[in-house]
PDB file of N, CA and C in Angstrom:
ATOM      1  N   MET A   1       0.847  85.802 -21.723  1.00  0.00           N
ATOM      2  CA  MET A   1       1.349  86.063 -22.607  1.00  0.00           C
ATOM      3  C   MET A   1       1.915  85.459 -23.985  1.00  0.00           C
ATOM      4  N   LEU A   2       1.106  84.793 -24.588  1.00  0.00           N
ATOM      5  CA  LEU A   2       1.428  83.758 -25.383  1.00  0.00           C
ATOM      6  C   LEU A   2       0.825  84.070 -26.563  1.00  0.00           C
ATOM      7  N   LEU A   3       1.971  83.904 -27.403  1.00  0.00           N
ATOM      8  CA  LEU A   3       2.279  84.434 -29.085  1.00  0.00           C
ATOM      9  C   LEU A   3       1.137  83.054 -30.070  1.00  0.00           C
ATOM     10  N   GLU A   4       0.595  83.603 -30.768  1.00  0.00           N
ATOM     11  CA  GLU A   4      -0.109  82.648 -31.497  1.00  0.00           C
ATOM     12  C   GLU A   4       0.880  82.132 -32.303  1.00  0.00           C
ATOM     13  N   LEU A   5       0.706  80.782 -32.660  1.00  0.00           N
ATOM     14  CA  LEU A   5       1.349  80.585 -33.615  1.00  0.00           C
ATOM     15  C   LEU A   5       1.456  80.754 -34.836  1.00  0.00           C
ATOM     16  N   GLU A   6       0.755  81.176 -35.673  1.00  0.00           N
ATOM     17  CA  GLU A   6       0.566  82.414 -36.623  1.00  0.00           C
ATOM     18  C   GLU A   6       1.355  82.746 -36.514  1.00  0.00           C
ATOM     19  N   SER A   7       1.840  84.136 -35.573  1.00  0.00           N
ATOM     20  CA  SER A   7       2.212  85.039 -35.369  1.00  0.00           C
ATOM     21  C   SER A   7       3.720  84.985 -35.459  1.00  0.00           C
ATOM     22  N   PHE A   8       4.244  83.893 -36.226  1.00  0.00           N
ATOM     23  CA  PHE A   8       5.929  83.930 -35.736  1.00  0.00           C
ATOM     24  C   PHE A   8       6.353  83.607 -37.063  1.00  0.00           C
ATOM     25  N   SER A   9       6.996  84.599 -38.323  1.00  0.00           N
ATOM     26  CA  SER A   9       7.620  84.937 -39.348  1.00  0.00           C
ATOM     27  C   SER A   9       9.012  83.986 -39.324  1.00  0.00           C
ATOM     28  N   ILE A  10       9.780  83.655 -40.211  1.00  0.00           N
ATOM     29  CA  ILE A  10      11.018  82.663 -39.988  1.00  0.00           C
ATOM     30  C   ILE A  10      12.052  83.673 -39.382  1.00  0.00           C
ATOM     31  N   GLU A  11      11.361  85.320 -39.218  1.00  0.00           N
ATOM     32  CA  GLU A  11      12.571  86.199 -38.328  1.00  0.00           C
ATOM     33  C   GLU A  11      12.710  85.887 -37.008  1.00  0.00           C
ATOM     34  N   THR A  12      11.428  85.612 -36.497  1.00  0.00           N
ATOM     35  CA  THR A  12      11.047  86.500 -35.492  1.00  0.00           C
ATOM     36  C   THR A  12      11.190  84.612 -34.753  1.00  0.00           C
ATOM     37  N   ALA A  13      11.039  83.762 -34.974  1.00  0.00           N
ATOM     38  CA  ALA A  13      10.899  82.440 -34.790  1.00  0.00           C
ATOM     39  C   ALA A  13      12.684  82.470 -34.563  1.00  0.00           C
ATOM     40  N   LEU A  14      13.198  83.004 -35.431  1.00  0.00           N
ATOM     41  CA  LEU A  14      15.087  82.685 -35.328  1.00  0.00           C
ATOM     42  C   LEU A  14      15.303  83.486 -34.395  1.00  0.00           C
ATOM     43  N   ASP A  15      14.556  85.030 -34.187  1.00  0.00           N
ATOM     44  CA  ASP A  15      15.369  85.264 -32.828  1.00  0.00           C
ATOM     45  C   ASP A  15      14.683  84.884 -31.625  1.00  0.00           C
ATOM     46  N   ALA A  16      13.812  84.394 -31.785  1.00  0.00           N
ATOM     47  CA  ALA A  16      13.098  83.617 -30.573  1.00  0.00           C
ATOM     48  C   ALA A  16      14.234  82.490 -29.879  1.00  0.00           C
ATOM     49  N   ALA A  17      14.299  81.643 -31.197  1.00  0.00           N
ATOM     50  CA  ALA A  17      15.008  80.540 -30.969  1.00  0.00           C
ATOM     51  C   ALA A  17      15.987  80.809 -30.472  1.00  0.00           C
ATOM     52  N   THR A  18      17.088  81.756 -30.984  1.00  0.00           N
ATOM     53  CA  THR A  18      18.456  81.739 -30.065  1.00  0.00           C
ATOM     54  C   THR A  18      18.214  82.167 -29.150  1.00  0.00           C
ATOM     55  N   GLU A  19      17.302  83.228 -28.780  1.00  0.00           N
ATOM     56  CA  GLU A  19      17.195  83.652 -27.374  1.00  0.00           C
ATOM     57  C   GLU A  19      16.742  82.377 -26.291  1.00  0.00           C
ATOM     58  N   LEU A  20      16.088  81.246 -27.033  1.00  0.00           N
ATOM     59  CA  LEU A  20      15.593  80.305 -26.064  1.00  0.00           C
ATOM     60  C   LEU A  20      16.801  79.145 -25.781  1.00  0.00           C
ATOM     61  N   ARG A  21      17.649  79.456 -27.173  1.00  0.00           N
ATOM     62  CA  ARG A  21      19.157  78.599 -26.405  1.00  0.00           C
ATOM     63  C   ARG A  21      19.908  79.487 -25.447  1.00  0.00           C
ATOM     64  N   ARG A  22      19.664  80.751 -25.402  1.00  0.00           N
ATOM     65  CA  ARG A  22      20.233  81.478 -24.443  1.00  0.00           C
ATOM     66  C   ARG A  22      19.869  81.745 -22.786  1.00  0.00           C
ATOM     67  N   VAL A  23      18.365  81.283 -23.104  1.00  0.00           N
ATOM     68  CA  VAL A  23      17.563  80.918 -22.170  1.00  0.00           C
ATOM     69  C   VAL A  23      18.147  79.477 -21.455  1.00  0.00           C
ATOM     70  N   LEU A  24      18.430  78.634 -22.054  1.00  0.00           N
ATOM     71  CA  LEU A  24      17.925  77.359 -21.742  1.00  0.00           C
ATOM     72  C   LEU A  24      19.253  76.925 -21.538  1.00  0.00           C
ATOM     73  N   ALA A  25      20.630  77.620 -21.423  1.00  0.00           N
ATOM     74  CA  ALA A  25      22.005  77.621 -21.616  1.00  0.00           C
ATOM     75  C   ALA A  25      22.112  78.267 -20.196  1.00  0.00           C
ATOM     76  N   ALA A  26      21.672  79.355 -19.650  1.00  0.00           N
ATOM     77  CA  ALA A  26      21.953  79.963 -18.438  1.00  0.00           C
ATOM     78  C   ALA A  26      21.553  79.034 -17.337  1.00  0.00           C
ATOM     79  N   ARG A  27      20.932  78.103 -17.541  1.00  0.00           N
ATOM     80  CA  ARG A  27      20.276  77.314 -16.568  1.00  0.00           C
ATOM     81  C   ARG A  27      21.756  76.017 -15.931  1.00  0.00           C
ATOM     82  N   THR A  28      21.908  76.168 -14.821  1.00  0.00           N
ATOM     83  CA  THR A  28      23.429  75.342 -14.417  1.00  0.00           C
ATOM     84  C   THR A  28      23.083  74.814 -13.685  1.00  0.00           C
ATOM     85  N   HIS A  29      23.809  73.254 -14.025  1.00  0.00           N
ATOM     86  CA  HIS A  29      23.714  72.088 -12.489  1.00  0.00           C
ATOM     87  C   HIS A  29      24.716  71.553 -12.459  1.00  0.00           C
ATOM     88  N   ARG A  30      24.635  71.212 -10.976  1.00  0.00           N
ATOM     89  CA  ARG A  30      26.057  70.521 -10.401  1.00  0.00           C
ATOM     90  C   ARG A  30      26.623  69.526 -10.473  1.00  0.00           C
ATOM     91  N   ARG A  31      27.765  69.407 -11.062  1.00  0.00           N
ATOM     92  CA  ARG A  31      28.124  68.070 -10.989  1.00  0.00           C
ATOM     93  C   ARG A  31      29.402  67.575 -10.924  1.00  0.00           C
ATOM     94  N   LYS A  32      29.914  66.762 -10.324  1.00  0.00           N
ATOM     95  CA  LYS A  32      31.203  66.236  -9.620  1.00  0.00           C
ATOM     96  C   LYS A  32      32.205  65.691 -10.801  1.00  0.00           C
ATOM     97  N   VAL A  33      32.789  66.384 -10.846  1.00  0.00           N
ATOM     98  CA  VAL A  33      34.426  66.249 -11.758  1.00  0.00           C
ATOM     99  C   VAL A  33      35.431  66.088 -10.867  1.00  0.00           C
ATOM    100  N   MET A  34      36.106  64.960 -11.367  1.00  0.00           N
ATOM    101  CA  MET A  34      37.525  64.899 -10.211  1.00  0.00           C
ATOM    102  C   MET A  34      37.292  64.502  -8.879  1.00  0.00           C
ATOM    103  N   GLY A  35      35.988  65.003  -7.830  1.00  0.00           N
ATOM    104  CA  GLY A  35      35.977  65.134  -6.453  1.00  0.00           C
ATOM    105  C   GLY A  35      35.495  66.596  -6.949  1.00  0.00           C
ATOM    106  N   GLN A  36      35.844  67.292  -7.507  1.00  0.00           N
ATOM    107  CA  GLN A  36      35.241  69.041  -7.216  1.00  0.00           C
ATOM    108  C   GLN A  36      33.808  68.379  -7.813  1.00  0.00           C
ATOM    109  N   GLU A  37      32.874  69.880  -6.759  1.00  0.00           N
ATOM    110  CA  GLU A  37      31.986  69.936  -7.539  1.00  0.00           C
ATOM    111  C   GLU A  37      31.941  71.225  -8.644  1.00  0.00           C
ATOM    112  N   VAL A  38      31.214  71.526  -9.759  1.00  0.00           N
ATOM    113  CA  VAL A  38      31.613  72.559 -10.426  1.00  0.00           C
ATOM    114  C   VAL A  38      29.957  72.708 -11.463  1.00  0.00           C
ATOM    115  N   LEU A  39      29.860  73.816 -11.493  1.00  0.00           N
ATOM    116  CA  LEU A  39      28.495  73.686 -12.463  1.00  0.00           C
ATOM    117  C   LEU A  39      28.448  74.592 -13.601  1.00  0.00           C
ATOM    118  N   VAL A  40      27.815  73.301 -14.232  1.00  0.00           N
ATOM    119  CA  VAL A  40      28.170  73.507 -15.805  1.00  0.00           C
ATOM    120  C   VAL A  40      26.611  73.707 -16.598  1.00  0.00           C
ATOM    121  N   PRO A  41      26.914  74.240 -17.677  1.00  0.00           N
ATOM    122  CA  PRO A  41      25.842  74.922 -18.141  1.00  0.00           C
ATOM    123  C   PRO A  41      24.374  74.047 -18.763  1.00  0.00           C
ATOM    124  N   GLY A  42      23.557  73.838 -18.690  1.00  0.00           N
ATOM    125  CA  GLY A  42      22.258  73.267 -19.142  1.00  0.00           C
ATOM    126  C   GLY A  42      22.163  72.570 -20.782  1.00  0.00           C
ATOM    127  N   GLN A  43      21.704  71.242 -20.835  1.00  0.00           N
ATOM    128  CA  GLN A  43      22.168  71.120 -22.474  1.00  0.00           C
ATOM    129  C   GLN A  43      20.735  70.721 -23.186  1.00  0.00           C
ATOM    130  N   LEU A  44      19.532  71.748 -22.143  1.00  0.00           N
ATOM    131  CA  LEU A  44      17.868  71.182 -23.141  1.00  0.00           C
ATOM    132  C   LEU A  44      18.885  71.410 -23.538  1.00  0.00           C
ATOM    133  N   GLY A  45      18.846  73.141 -24.833  1.00  0.00           N
ATOM    134  CA  GLY A  45      19.088  73.318 -26.004  1.00  0.00           C
ATOM    135  C   GLY A  45      19.281  72.460 -26.718  1.00  0.00           C
ATOM    136  N   GLU A  46      20.241  71.806 -26.853  1.00  0.00           N
ATOM    137  CA  GLU A  46      20.972  70.428 -27.356  1.00  0.00           C
ATOM    138  C   GLU A  46      20.023  69.518 -27.636  1.00  0.00           C
ATOM    139  N   ALA A  47      19.080  69.059 -26.096  1.00  0.00           N
ATOM    140  CA  ALA A  47      18.295  67.256 -26.754  1.00  0.00           C
ATOM    141  C   ALA A  47      17.581  68.617 -27.320  1.00  0.00           C
ATOM    142  N   LEU A  48      16.563  69.610 -27.291  1.00  0.00           N
ATOM    143  CA  LEU A  48      15.385  69.791 -27.929  1.00  0.00           C
ATOM    144  C   LEU A  48      15.736  70.789 -29.695  1.00  0.00           C
ATOM    145  N   GLN A  49      17.246  70.009 -30.104  1.00  0.00           N
ATOM    146  CA  GLN A  49      17.906  70.135 -31.332  1.00  0.00           C
ATOM    147  C   GLN A  49      17.691  71.974 -31.226  1.00  0.00           C
ATOM    148  N   LEU A  50      17.942  72.848 -30.773  1.00  0.00           N
ATOM    149  CA  LEU A  50      17.891  74.010 -31.435  1.00  0.00           C
ATOM    150  C   LEU A  50      18.580  73.999 -32.336  1.00  0.00           C
ATOM    151  N   PRO A  51      19.898  74.001 -32.321  1.00  0.00           N
ATOM    152  CA  PRO A  51      21.006  74.138 -33.086  1.00  0.00           C
ATOM    153  C   PRO A  51      20.881  73.771 -34.276  1.00  0.00           C
ATOM    154  N   ARG A  52      20.008  72.597 -34.348  1.00  0.00           N
ATOM    155  CA  ARG A  52      19.583  72.344 -35.562  1.00  0.00           C
ATOM    156  C   ARG A  52      18.915  73.040 -36.896  1.00  0.00           C
ATOM    157  N   ILE A  53      17.521  73.447 -35.431  1.00  0.00           N
ATOM    158  CA  ILE A  53      16.036  74.503 -35.943  1.00  0.00           C
ATOM    159  C   ILE A  53      16.784  76.096 -36.056  1.00  0.00           C
ATOM    160  N   ILE A  54      17.756  76.597 -35.471  1.00  0.00           N
ATOM    161  CA  ILE A  54      18.098  77.611 -35.887  1.00  0.00           C
ATOM    162  C   ILE A  54      19.512  77.534 -37.297  1.00  0.00           C
ATOM    163  N   SER A  55      19.597  76.700 -37.555  1.00  0.00           N
ATOM    164  CA  SER A  55      20.991  76.797 -38.586  1.00  0.00           C
ATOM    165  C   SER A  55      19.952  76.328 -39.491  1.00  0.00           C
ATOM    166  N   ARG A  56      18.833  75.912 -39.757  1.00  0.00           N
ATOM    167  CA  ARG A  56      17.283  76.114 -40.914  1.00  0.00           C
ATOM    168  C   ARG A  56      17.288  76.780 -40.791  1.00  0.00           C
ATOM    169  N   LEU A  57      16.703  77.643 -39.928  1.00  0.00           N
ATOM    170  CA  LEU A  57      16.144  78.687 -40.223  1.00  0.00           C
ATOM    171  C   LEU A  57      17.044  80.490 -40.729  1.00  0.00           C
ATOM    172  N   GLN A  58      18.437  79.916 -40.405  1.00  0.00           N
ATOM    173  CA  GLN A  58      19.373  80.799 -40.885  1.00  0.00           C
ATOM    174  C   GLN A  58      19.863  80.630 -42.450  1.00  0.00           C
ATOM    175  N   SER A  59      19.435  79.136 -43.275  1.00  0.00           N
ATOM    176  CA  SER A  59      19.434  78.465 -44.396  1.00  0.00           C
ATOM    177  C   SER A  59      19.416  79.594 -45.421  1.00  0.00           C
ATOM    178  N   LYS A  60      20.179  79.528 -46.417  1.00  0.00           N
ATOM    179  CA  LYS A  60      19.998  80.045 -47.689  1.00  0.00           C
ATOM    180  C   LYS A  60      18.495  79.863 -48.663  1.00  0.00           C
ATOM    181  N   GLN A  61      18.551  77.729 -48.218  1.00  0.00           N
ATOM    182  CA  GLN A  61      16.723  77.491 -48.907  1.00  0.00           C
ATOM    183  C   GLN A  61      16.020  77.646 -47.996  1.00  0.00           C
ATOM    184  N   GLN A  62      14.967  78.342 -49.108  1.00  0.00           N
ATOM    185  CA  GLN A  62      13.781  78.521 -48.535  1.00  0.00           C
ATOM    186  C   GLN A  62      13.440  77.370 -48.162  1.00  0.00           C
ATOM    187  N   ARG A  63      13.216  76.445 -48.575  1.00  0.00           N
ATOM    188  CA  ARG A  63      12.822  75.138 -47.642  1.00  0.00           C
ATOM    189  C   ARG A  63      12.736  74.040 -46.810  1.00  0.00           C
ATOM    190  N   GLN A  64      14.544  74.339 -46.777  1.00  0.00           N
ATOM    191  CA  GLN A  64      15.050  74.642 -45.053  1.00  0.00           C
ATOM    192  C   GLN A  64      14.848  75.875 -44.321  1.00  0.00           C
ATOM    193  N   ARG A  65      14.732  76.622 -44.647  1.00  0.00           N
ATOM    194  CA  ARG A  65      13.838  78.123 -43.998  1.00  0.00           C
ATOM    195  C   ARG A  65      12.465  77.605 -43.188  1.00  0.00           C
ATOM    196  N   ASP A  66      11.587  76.783 -44.275  1.00  0.00           N
ATOM    197  CA  ASP A  66      10.169  77.260 -43.943  1.00  0.00           C
ATOM    198  C   ASP A  66      10.314  75.546 -42.673  1.00  0.00           C
ATOM    199  N   GLN A  67      10.933  74.069 -42.954  1.00  0.00           N
ATOM    200  CA  GLN A  67      10.750  73.544 -42.265  1.00  0.00           C
ATOM    201  C   GLN A  67      11.520  73.853 -40.614  1.00  0.00           C
ATOM    202  N   GLY A  68      12.146  75.072 -40.603  1.00  0.00           N
ATOM    203  CA  GLY A  68      12.955  75.320 -39.189  1.00  0.00           C
ATOM    204  C   GLY A  68      11.558  76.276 -38.980  1.00  0.00           C
ATOM    205  N   LEU A  69      11.027  76.872 -39.633  1.00  0.00           N
ATOM    206  CA  LEU A  69       9.999  77.374 -38.637  1.00  0.00           C
ATOM    207  C   LEU A  69       8.798  76.373 -38.466  1.00  0.00           C
ATOM    208  N   ASP A  70       8.455  75.553 -38.795  1.00  0.00           N
ATOM    209  CA  ASP A  70       7.509  74.333 -38.553  1.00  0.00           C
ATOM    210  C   ASP A  70       8.151  73.538 -37.177  1.00  0.00           C
ATOM    211  N   ASP A  71       9.359  73.378 -37.286  1.00  0.00           N
ATOM    212  CA  ASP A  71      10.665  72.516 -36.203  1.00  0.00           C
ATOM    213  C   ASP A  71       9.496  73.703 -34.727  1.00  0.00           C
ATOM    214  N   PHE A  72      10.061  75.135 -34.878  1.00  0.00           N
ATOM    215  CA  PHE A  72      10.380  75.676 -34.162  1.00  0.00           C
ATOM    216  C   PHE A  72       8.298  75.913 -33.984  1.00  0.00           C
ATOM    217  N   GLN A  73       7.662  75.873 -34.865  1.00  0.00           N
ATOM    218  CA  GLN A  73       6.382  76.117 -34.282  1.00  0.00           C
ATOM    219  C   GLN A  73       5.902  74.982 -33.008  1.00  0.00           C
ATOM    220  N   GLU A  74       6.916  73.737 -33.448  1.00  0.00           N
ATOM    221  CA  GLU A  74       6.022  72.289 -32.717  1.00  0.00           C
ATOM    222  C   GLU A  74       6.499  72.320 -31.323  1.00  0.00           C
ATOM    223  N   LEU A  75       7.710  72.866 -31.477  1.00  0.00           N
ATOM    224  CA  LEU A  75       8.401  73.148 -30.228  1.00  0.00           C
ATOM    225  C   LEU A  75       8.267  73.884 -28.858  1.00  0.00           C
ATOM    226  N   TRP A  76       7.664  75.690 -29.721  1.00  0.00           N
ATOM    227  CA  TRP A  76       7.733  76.191 -28.603  1.00  0.00           C
ATOM    228  C   TRP A  76       6.153  76.181 -27.695  1.00  0.00           C
ATOM    229  N   PRO A  77       4.801  75.592 -28.079  1.00  0.00           N
ATOM    230  CA  PRO A  77       3.666  75.351 -27.378  1.00  0.00           C
ATOM    231  C   PRO A  77       4.384  74.203 -26.132  1.00  0.00           C
ATOM    232  N   THR A  78       5.340  73.548 -26.207  1.00  0.00           N
ATOM    233  CA  THR A  78       5.727  72.306 -25.177  1.00  0.00           C
ATOM    234  C   THR A  78       6.656  72.918 -24.247  1.00  0.00           C
ATOM    235  N   LEU A  79       7.014  73.885 -24.788  1.00  0.00           N
ATOM    236  CA  LEU A  79       7.796  74.954 -23.600  1.00  0.00           C
ATOM    237  C   LEU A  79       7.192  75.730 -22.212  1.00  0.00           C
ATOM    238  N   SER A  80       7.505  75.158 -20.935  1.00  0.00           N
ATOM    239  CA  SER A  80       6.671  75.926 -20.178  1.00  0.00           C
ATOM    240  C   SER A  80       6.239  77.268 -19.742  1.00  0.00           C
ATOM    241  N   PRO A  81       5.217  77.646 -19.737  1.00  0.00           N
ATOM    242  CA  PRO A  81       4.662  79.335 -19.850  1.00  0.00           C
ATOM    243  C   PRO A  81       6.015  79.877 -19.093  1.00  0.00           C
ATOM    244  N   MET A  82       6.704  79.514 -18.045  1.00  0.00           N
ATOM    245  CA  MET A  82       7.831  80.671 -18.053  1.00  0.00           C
ATOM    246  C   MET A  82       8.966  80.517 -18.809  1.00  0.00           C
ATOM    247  N   THR A  83       9.250  79.884 -19.161  1.00  0.00           N
ATOM    248  CA  THR A  83      10.488  79.704 -19.837  1.00  0.00           C
ATOM    249  C   THR A  83      10.066  80.510 -21.275  1.00  0.00           C
ATOM    250  N   ARG A  84       8.850  80.111 -21.643  1.00  0.00           N
ATOM    251  CA  ARG A  84       8.379  80.868 -22.875  1.00  0.00           C
ATOM    252  C   ARG A  84       8.157  82.488 -22.632  1.00  0.00           C
ATOM    253  N   GLU A  85       7.551  83.037 -21.457  1.00  0.00           N
ATOM    254  CA  GLU A  85       7.832  84.354 -20.924  1.00  0.00           C
ATOM    255  C   GLU A  85       9.461  84.487 -20.910  1.00  0.00           C
ATOM    256  N   LYS A  86      10.287  83.964 -20.559  1.00  0.00           N
ATOM    257  CA  LYS A  86      11.392  84.731 -20.138  1.00  0.00           C
ATOM    258  C   LYS A  86      12.443  84.740 -21.712  1.00  0.00           C
ATOM    259  N   VAL A  87      11.415  84.496 -22.780  1.00  0.00           N
ATOM    260  CA  VAL A  87      12.262  84.984 -23.964  1.00  0.00           C
ATOM    261  C   VAL A  87      11.672  85.959 -24.599  1.00  0.00           C
ATOM    262  N   LEU A  88      10.612  85.935 -23.855  1.00  0.00           N
ATOM    263  CA  LEU A  88       9.187  87.116 -24.668  1.00  0.00           C
ATOM    264  C   LEU A  88       9.787  88.225 -23.796  1.00  0.00           C
ATOM    265  N   ASP A  89      10.066  87.974 -22.655  1.00  0.00           N
ATOM    266  CA  ASP A  89      10.794  88.993 -22.437  1.00  0.00           C
ATOM    267  C   ASP A  89      11.508  89.367 -22.176  1.00  0.00           C
ATOM    268  N   ALA A  90      13.066  88.571 -22.441  1.00  0.00           N
ATOM    269  CA  ALA A  90      13.948  88.709 -22.836  1.00  0.00           C
ATOM    270  C   ALA A  90      14.541  90.025 -24.599  1.00  0.00           C
ATOM    271  N   LEU A  91      13.494  89.358 -25.454  1.00  0.00           N
ATOM    272  CA  LEU A  91      13.241  89.880 -26.782  1.00  0.00           C
ATOM    273  C   LEU A  91      12.435  91.483 -26.896  1.00  0.00           C
ATOM    274  N   GLY A  92      12.477  91.275 -25.617  1.00  0.00           N
ATOM    275  CA  GLY A  92      11.381  92.702 -25.396  1.00  0.00           C
ATOM    276  C   GLY A  92       9.314  92.583 -26.308  1.00  0.00           C
ATOM    277  N   TRP A  93       9.606  91.420 -26.228  1.00  0.00           N
ATOM    278  CA  TRP A  93       7.932  91.248 -26.893  1.00  0.00           C
ATOM    279  C   TRP A  93       6.679  91.106 -25.626  1.00  0.00           C
ATOM    280  N   TYR A  94       6.014  91.829 -26.036  1.00  0.00           N
ATOM    281  CA  TYR A  94       4.647  92.062 -25.007  1.00  0.00           C
ATOM    282  C   TYR A  94       3.219  92.593 -26.211  1.00  0.00           C
ATOM    283  N   ASP A  95       2.471  91.930 -25.026  1.00  0.00           N
ATOM    284  CA  ASP A  95       0.982  91.921 -25.483  1.00  0.00           C
ATOM    285  C   ASP A  95       0.405  92.926 -25.300  1.00  0.00           C
ATOM    286  N   PRO A  96      -0.025  93.802 -26.245  1.00  0.00           N
ATOM    287  CA  PRO A  96      -0.501  95.413 -26.037  1.00  0.00           C
ATOM    288  C   PRO A  96      -1.495  95.122 -25.203  1.00  0.00           C
ATOM    289  N   LYS A  97      -2.483  93.773 -24.887  1.00  0.00           N
ATOM    290  CA  LYS A  97      -3.954  94.127 -24.069  1.00  0.00           C
ATOM    291  C   LYS A  97      -3.212  93.668 -23.372  1.00  0.00           C
ATOM    292  N   GLU A  98      -2.393  93.721 -22.380  1.00  0.00           N
ATOM    293  CA  GLU A  98      -1.802  93.466 -20.866  1.00  0.00           C
ATOM    294  C   GLU A  98      -1.613  94.946 -20.085  1.00  0.00           C
ATOM    295  N   LEU A  99      -0.951  95.532 -21.267  1.00  0.00           N
ATOM    296  CA  LEU A  99      -0.551  97.008 -20.754  1.00  0.00           C
ATOM    297  C   LEU A  99      -1.196  97.785 -20.173  1.00  0.00           C
ATOM    298  N   ASN A 100      -0.951  98.575 -18.997  1.00  0.00           N
ATOM    299  CA  ASN A 100      -1.283  99.380 -18.409  1.00  0.00           C
ATOM    300  C   ASN A 100      -2.004 100.594 -19.095  1.00  0.00           C
ATOM    301  N   TRP A 101      -3.234 101.225 -18.405  1.00  0.00           N
ATOM    302  CA  TRP A 101      -3.754 102.878 -19.791  1.00  0.00           C
ATOM    303  C   TRP A 101      -2.606 103.385 -19.529  1.00  0.00           C
ATOM    304  N   ASP A 102      -1.815 103.864 -18.659  1.00  0.00           N
ATOM    305  CA  ASP A 102      -0.654 104.572 -18.574  1.00  0.00           C
ATOM    306  C   ASP A 102       0.918 103.979 -19.669  1.00  0.00           C
ATOM    307  N   ASP A 103       0.903 103.176 -19.250  1.00  0.00           N
ATOM    308  CA  ASP A 103       1.952 102.383 -20.222  1.00  0.00           C
ATOM    309  C   ASP A 103       2.304 103.144 -21.376  1.00  0.00           C
ATOM    310  N   LYS A 104       3.649 103.939 -21.650  1.00  0.00           N
ATOM    311  CA  LYS A 104       4.666 104.745 -22.434  1.00  0.00           C
ATOM    312  C   LYS A 104       4.397 103.754 -23.777  1.00  0.00           C
ATOM    313  N   ARG A 105       3.976 102.649 -24.206  1.00  0.00           N
ATOM    314  CA  ARG A 105       4.091 101.451 -25.334  1.00  0.00           C
ATOM    315  C   ARG A 105       2.925 101.738 -25.697  1.00  0.00           C
ATOM    316  N   SER A 106       1.518 102.105 -25.280  1.00  0.00           N
ATOM    317  CA  SER A 106       0.889 101.803 -25.400  1.00  0.00           C
ATOM    318  C   SER A 106       0.333 102.811 -26.032  1.00  0.00           C
ATOM    319  N   ASN A 107      -0.927 102.371 -27.711  1.00  0.00           N
ATOM    320  CA  ASN A 107      -0.825 103.799 -27.808  1.00  0.00           C
ATOM    321  C   ASN A 107      -2.664 103.983 -27.754  1.00  0.00           C
ATOM    322  N   ARG A 108      -2.599 103.816 -27.030  1.00  0.00           N
ATOM    323  CA  ARG A 108      -4.704 103.682 -26.446  1.00  0.00           C
ATOM    324  C   ARG A 108      -4.458 105.315 -26.197  1.00  0.00           C
ATOM    325  N   ARG A 109      -5.757 106.081 -26.527  1.00  0.00           N
ATOM    326  CA  ARG A 109      -5.808 107.373 -26.065  1.00  0.00           C
ATOM    327  C   ARG A 109      -6.631 107.512 -24.563  1.00  0.00           C
ATOM    328  N   PRO A 110      -6.366 108.320 -24.305  1.00  0.00           N
ATOM    329  CA  PRO A 110      -6.866 108.186 -22.695  1.00  0.00           C
ATOM    330  C   PRO A 110      -8.186 108.669 -22.906  1.00  0.00           C
ATOM    331  N   LEU A 111      -9.252 108.445 -21.645  1.00  0.00           N
ATOM    332  CA  LEU A 111     -10.925 108.411 -21.647  1.00  0.00           C
ATOM    333  C   LEU A 111     -10.753 110.240 -21.679  1.00  0.00           C
ATOM    334  N   VAL A 112     -11.513 110.948 -22.852  1.00  0.00           N
ATOM    335  CA  VAL A 112     -11.635 111.570 -22.343  1.00  0.00           C
ATOM    336  C   VAL A 112     -12.883 112.427 -20.990  1.00  0.00           C
ATOM    337  N   ASP A 113     -12.768 113.416 -20.373  1.00  0.00           N
ATOM    338  CA  ASP A 113     -14.339 113.278 -19.301  1.00  0.00           C
ATOM    339  C   ASP A 113     -14.752 114.226 -19.737  1.00  0.00           C
ATOM    340  N   PRO A 114     -16.121 113.477 -20.405  1.00  0.00           N
ATOM    341  CA  PRO A 114     -16.630 114.413 -20.658  1.00  0.00           C
ATOM    342  C   PRO A 114     -17.676 116.014 -20.132  1.00  0.00           C
ATOM    343  N   ASP A 115     -16.881 115.386 -18.980  1.00  0.00           N
ATOM    344  CA  ASP A 115     -17.581 117.192 -17.756  1.00  0.00           C
ATOM    345  C   ASP A 115     -16.726 117.799 -17.633  1.00  0.00           C
ATOM    346  N   SER A 116     -15.350 117.813 -18.560  1.00  0.00           N
ATOM    347  CA  SER A 116     -14.612 119.259 -18.369  1.00  0.00           C
ATOM    348  C   SER A 116     -14.372 120.262 -19.874  1.00  0.00           C
TER     349      SER A 116
END
């Protein structure tokens, strides 16, 4: 379930980047602090500069928003398929071609039986 890069608009990239930051922060790591083992949130979002990308996507200047979109489109294909799928699932996005015929989200019409 991969989105084509062209299908990201500034708005959809902002939604996906925000959700990606949440997905990455949900990863926790064990760390010893003063002899105690504690769980700390993942820092991968910061390492990937997601706060900067999100800030650019929210900018009032079109040039900044376009740069944020470019940055996000460069980042998206580098993510693991599992991470991309978690983001898309959390956003409720789906590929209509992957739906079952009986899925209510599908707008396909059922085949009509010619014998009836």
